[in-house]
Amino acid sequence: MLGISTKERTNYNAGECELMKVKELQEKLKNLDPNFEVVCYKENEGLDDKGRGFVLFDIVSIDLKQAELTRINNGIPYLKFDQSELTEKFAILEVTEDF
């Protein structure tokens, strides 16, 4: 996950994870050849239903959006794009596995 966050999170256990900041991502990327292609991946614990040990993603867009970082009932991190007192600005990378 990538985000910019300054508010205390009440619906999200902030101690559980620290989101990467834009400046940290920029620092890591500046040491790479700017002509490299970028591919994101997520490892699966075991194989997924398609027999893959990991999934590849392509970045579709990068935008600044207002959202609330929370967890849904089963504990999975989730973003609510509604406006509230808990809304924060996040740098959002939209990815797709269809490329």
Protein backbone atom coordinates (compact mmCIF):
# COMPACT_ATOMS: atom_id res chain seq x y z
CA MET A 1 0.00 0.00 0.00
CA LEU A 2 1.07 3.50 -0.68
CA GLY A 3 -0.28 6.51 1.14
CA ILE A 4 0.13 9.88 2.75
CA SER A 5 -1.45 9.95 6.17
CA THR A 6 -1.29 12.35 9.08
CA LYS A 7 -4.55 11.71 10.97
CA GLU A 8 -4.94 9.22 13.79
CA ARG A 9 -6.84 6.21 12.50
CA THR A 10 -9.65 5.05 14.73
CA ASN A 11 -11.20 2.37 12.49
CA TYR A 12 -7.83 1.01 11.39
CA ASN A 13 -5.15 -0.40 13.66
CA ALA A 14 -2.41 2.08 12.70
CA GLY A 15 0.21 0.15 14.69
CA GLU A 16 -0.28 -2.87 12.45
CA CYS A 17 1.19 -1.37 9.31
CA GLU A 18 2.99 1.73 8.24
CA LEU A 19 2.22 2.85 4.73
CA MET A 20 5.02 3.82 2.39
CA LYS A 21 5.31 7.57 1.79
CA VAL A 22 5.67 9.12 -1.67
CA LYS A 23 9.15 10.40 -0.77
CA GLU A 24 10.24 6.85 0.16
CA LEU A 25 9.00 5.51 -3.18
CA GLN A 26 10.71 8.36 -5.05
CA GLU A 27 13.97 7.65 -3.19
CA LYS A 28 13.88 3.99 -4.21
CA LEU A 29 12.98 4.76 -7.83
CA LYS A 30 15.58 7.49 -8.37
CA ASN A 31 18.39 4.92 -8.26
CA LEU A 32 16.90 2.95 -11.17
CA ASP A 33 17.25 3.53 -14.89
CA PRO A 34 14.19 5.68 -15.81
CA ASN A 35 13.67 3.56 -18.93
CA PHE A 36 13.00 0.34 -16.99
CA GLU A 37 9.46 -0.98 -17.16
CA VAL A 38 7.60 -1.30 -13.85
CA VAL A 39 5.77 -4.47 -12.82
CA CYS A 40 4.12 -4.97 -9.43
CA TYR A 41 3.54 -8.36 -7.87
CA LYS A 42 1.82 -9.94 -4.89
CA GLU A 43 2.86 -13.31 -3.53
CA ASN A 44 0.09 -15.79 -2.79
CA GLU A 45 0.30 -17.97 0.26
CA GLY A 46 0.28 -21.27 -1.55
CA LEU A 47 -1.19 -21.30 -5.02
CA ASP A 48 -4.27 -19.35 -6.00
CA ASP A 49 -7.21 -20.87 -7.87
CA LYS A 50 -5.29 -20.44 -11.15
CA GLY A 51 -2.22 -22.32 -9.85
CA ARG A 52 -0.03 -19.23 -9.48
CA GLY A 53 2.39 -18.59 -6.62
CA PHE A 54 2.22 -14.85 -7.31
CA VAL A 55 0.17 -12.35 -9.31
CA LEU A 56 1.61 -9.64 -11.61
CA PHE A 57 0.10 -6.16 -11.88
CA ASP A 58 0.59 -3.24 -14.25
CA ILE A 59 0.15 0.34 -13.00
CA VAL A 60 -2.81 1.98 -14.75
CA SER A 61 -2.75 5.36 -13.00
CA ILE A 62 -1.41 7.29 -10.03
CA ASP A 63 -3.73 9.89 -8.49
CA LEU A 64 -4.28 11.86 -5.31
CA LYS A 65 -7.63 10.96 -3.72
CA GLN A 66 -9.49 11.63 -0.48
CA ALA A 67 -10.39 8.44 1.40
CA GLU A 68 -10.67 6.83 4.82
CA LEU A 69 -8.41 3.86 5.52
CA THR A 70 -10.36 1.26 7.47
CA ARG A 71 -10.84 -2.47 7.80
CA ILE A 72 -13.94 -4.36 6.74
CA ASN A 73 -15.54 -7.01 8.95
CA ASN A 74 -13.07 -9.77 8.08
CA GLY A 75 -10.08 -7.51 8.87
CA ILE A 76 -9.09 -6.79 5.26
CA PRO A 77 -7.76 -3.24 4.67
CA TYR A 78 -10.26 -1.11 2.75
CA LEU A 79 -10.58 2.47 1.48
CA LYS A 80 -13.87 4.37 1.79
CA PHE A 81 -14.01 7.21 -0.70
CA ASP A 82 -16.79 9.03 1.23
CA GLN A 83 -16.04 12.40 2.83
CA SER A 84 -15.89 12.33 6.65
CA GLU A 85 -13.81 13.69 9.52
CA LEU A 86 -11.55 10.62 9.04
CA THR A 87 -10.89 11.32 5.35
CA GLU A 88 -7.22 11.73 4.42
CA LYS A 89 -5.31 12.36 1.20
CA PHE A 90 -3.70 9.27 -0.32
CA ALA A 91 -1.53 8.74 -3.37
CA ILE A 92 -3.42 5.89 -5.05
CA LEU A 93 -1.84 3.50 -7.53
CA GLU A 94 -4.50 1.82 -9.63
CA VAL A 95 -3.25 -1.55 -10.89
CA THR A 96 -4.56 -4.25 -13.16
CA GLU A 97 -3.55 -7.87 -13.69
CA ASP A 98 -4.97 -7.76 -17.23
CA PHE A 99 -2.06 -6.56 -19.37
